[in-house]
């Protein structure tokens, strides 16, 4: 797997959506689902969480890392009012951190284990791959929203 290439591609593909106009940002991929703006805020928040997990595993393998409630974060972190430029900066900085640590440790320490509070035993390599997979999943949602 070309983890670095995947992380770089999804970063480039995501960043262009932070420049969308208000009409496009308000589109949803399905009724009752988050609009593009919320998805972009969520991606920034999730990147922060995933980078934190990666750092915790690198610092001390074997620990338990906790899930986060994405809907509570969307509400309590006030995605409706939060400036999109802030999320763009957070996304960019944290993704750069993930790419840095993946380039340093994906191969050499990828088998380091940790316990996710909801999904159980995982490895550092799993978490790097999750970053890219999670991002691709939400890019698909954004593309479906914009096509509607």
Protein backbone atom coordinates (compact mmCIF):
# COMPACT_ATOMS: atom_id res chain seq x y z
CA UNK A 1 0.00 0.00 0.00
CA UNK A 2 1.26 3.47 -0.90
CA UNK A 3 0.10 5.11 2.31
CA UNK A 4 1.99 8.36 1.74
CA UNK A 5 0.61 8.75 -1.78
CA UNK A 6 -2.90 8.01 -0.54
CA UNK A 7 -2.61 10.54 2.29
CA UNK A 8 -1.22 13.17 -0.07
CA UNK A 9 -3.92 12.57 -2.73
CA UNK A 10 -6.80 12.74 -0.29
CA UNK A 11 -5.33 15.93 1.20
CA UNK A 12 -5.13 17.64 -2.20
CA UNK A 13 -8.60 16.41 -3.15
CA UNK A 14 -10.08 17.65 0.14
CA UNK A 15 -8.47 21.09 0.24
CA UNK A 16 -10.16 22.24 -2.97
CA UNK A 17 -13.57 21.84 -1.33
CA UNK A 18 -12.77 24.39 1.37
CA UNK A 19 -12.93 26.99 -1.42
CA UNK A 20 -16.52 26.23 -2.47
CA UNK A 21 -19.19 28.94 -2.53
CA UNK A 22 -22.01 29.07 0.02
CA UNK A 23 -24.51 27.36 -2.25
CA UNK A 24 -22.24 24.36 -2.80
CA UNK A 25 -21.28 24.18 0.90
CA UNK A 26 -24.97 23.88 1.80
CA UNK A 27 -25.58 20.82 -0.40
CA UNK A 28 -26.26 17.41 1.15
CA UNK A 29 -25.59 13.98 -0.30
CA UNK A 30 -28.89 12.67 1.15
CA UNK A 31 -31.83 14.11 3.10
CA UNK A 32 -31.07 14.53 6.79
CA UNK A 33 -27.32 14.09 6.31
CA UNK A 34 -24.60 16.65 6.96
CA UNK A 35 -24.03 19.30 4.36
CA UNK A 36 -20.64 19.76 2.70
CA UNK A 37 -19.66 22.47 5.23
CA UNK A 38 -20.26 20.11 8.18
CA UNK A 39 -18.37 17.30 6.45
CA UNK A 40 -15.36 19.60 6.02
CA UNK A 41 -15.53 20.64 9.69
CA UNK A 42 -15.81 16.96 10.64
CA UNK A 43 -12.78 16.05 8.56
CA UNK A 44 -10.72 18.67 10.40
CA UNK A 45 -11.91 17.41 13.80
CA UNK A 46 -11.37 13.76 12.90
CA UNK A 47 -7.86 14.50 11.64
CA UNK A 48 -7.03 16.04 15.02
CA UNK A 49 -8.34 12.97 16.83
CA UNK A 50 -6.56 10.54 14.54
CA UNK A 51 -3.24 12.40 14.81
CA UNK A 52 -3.62 12.42 18.59
CA UNK A 53 -4.16 8.64 18.56
CA UNK A 54 -1.12 8.13 16.35
CA UNK A 55 1.02 10.22 18.70
CA UNK A 56 -0.28 8.35 21.75
CA UNK A 57 0.52 4.98 20.19
CA UNK A 58 3.97 6.16 19.18
CA UNK A 59 4.53 7.49 22.71
CA UNK A 60 3.28 4.40 24.49
CA UNK A 61 1.98 1.39 22.54
CA UNK A 62 -0.65 -0.79 24.15
CA UNK A 63 -2.75 1.98 25.61
CA UNK A 64 -6.48 2.44 25.23
CA UNK A 65 -7.60 5.29 22.97
CA UNK A 66 -11.13 6.60 23.13
CA UNK A 67 -13.70 7.08 20.43
CA UNK A 68 -15.35 10.46 19.99
CA UNK A 69 -18.99 11.26 19.34
CA UNK A 70 -18.97 13.06 16.00
CA UNK A 71 -22.51 14.38 16.36
CA UNK A 72 -21.81 15.84 19.80
CA UNK A 73 -18.66 17.46 18.46
CA UNK A 74 -20.60 18.96 15.54
CA UNK A 75 -23.08 20.46 17.98
CA UNK A 76 -20.82 21.46 20.84
CA UNK A 77 -17.96 22.71 18.67
CA UNK A 78 -20.59 24.78 16.83
CA UNK A 79 -19.93 23.72 13.26
CA UNK A 80 -22.79 26.00 12.20
CA UNK A 81 -20.81 29.10 13.21
CA UNK A 82 -17.20 27.94 13.11
CA UNK A 83 -15.20 29.64 10.36
CA UNK A 84 -14.41 27.23 7.56
CA UNK A 85 -10.96 28.79 7.23
CA UNK A 86 -10.19 27.58 10.77
CA UNK A 87 -11.12 24.01 9.87
CA UNK A 88 -9.07 24.25 6.69
CA UNK A 89 -6.00 25.28 8.68
CA UNK A 90 -6.57 22.53 11.26
CA UNK A 91 -7.07 19.93 8.53
CA UNK A 92 -3.93 20.99 6.70
CA UNK A 93 -1.71 21.07 9.79
CA UNK A 94 -2.90 17.77 11.21
CA UNK A 95 -2.74 15.99 7.85
CA UNK A 96 0.82 17.23 7.45
CA UNK A 97 1.56 15.71 10.87
CA UNK A 98 -0.02 12.39 9.88
CA UNK A 99 2.01 12.33 6.65
CA UNK A 100 5.21 13.10 8.55
CA UNK A 101 4.66 10.31 11.09
CA UNK A 102 3.53 7.86 8.42
CA UNK A 103 6.70 8.52 6.43
CA UNK A 104 8.78 7.91 9.55
CA UNK A 105 6.95 5.04 11.25
CA UNK A 106 4.41 3.27 9.01
CA UNK A 107 6.92 0.56 8.08
CA UNK A 108 9.14 0.48 11.14
CA UNK A 109 6.49 0.66 13.86
CA UNK A 110 3.28 -0.16 12.04
CA UNK A 111 2.73 -3.31 14.08
CA UNK A 112 2.60 -1.34 17.35
CA UNK A 113 -0.73 -2.18 18.96
CA UNK A 114 -3.33 -0.21 20.88
CA UNK A 115 -6.90 -0.77 21.97
CA UNK A 116 -9.67 1.37 20.52
CA UNK A 117 -12.51 1.83 23.01
CA UNK A 118 -15.13 0.71 20.47
CA UNK A 119 -13.38 -1.44 17.87
CA UNK A 120 -10.80 -3.25 20.01
CA UNK A 121 -7.24 -4.20 19.12
CA UNK A 122 -5.69 -2.20 16.28
CA UNK A 123 -2.22 -1.39 14.98
CA UNK A 124 -0.51 1.86 14.17
CA UNK A 125 -0.57 0.89 10.47
CA UNK A 126 -4.34 0.35 10.77
CA UNK A 127 -4.70 3.89 12.10
CA UNK A 128 -2.66 5.46 9.29
CA UNK A 129 -4.78 3.53 6.78
CA UNK A 130 -7.95 4.63 8.58
CA UNK A 131 -7.00 8.28 8.06
CA UNK A 132 -6.93 7.82 4.29
CA UNK A 133 -10.00 5.55 4.20
CA UNK A 134 -12.03 7.93 6.37
CA UNK A 135 -11.07 10.85 4.14
CA UNK A 136 -11.97 8.95 0.94
CA UNK A 137 -15.34 8.04 2.45
CA UNK A 138 -16.18 11.69 3.10
CA UNK A 139 -14.83 12.81 -0.28
CA UNK A 140 -17.33 10.42 -1.83
CA UNK A 141 -20.13 12.04 0.20
CA UNK A 142 -19.02 15.51 -0.88
CA UNK A 143 -18.88 14.48 -4.54
CA UNK A 144 -22.38 12.96 -4.32
CA UNK A 145 -23.69 16.14 -2.66
CA UNK A 146 -22.21 18.37 -5.35
CA UNK A 147 -23.59 16.14 -8.12
CA UNK A 148 -27.15 16.46 -6.79
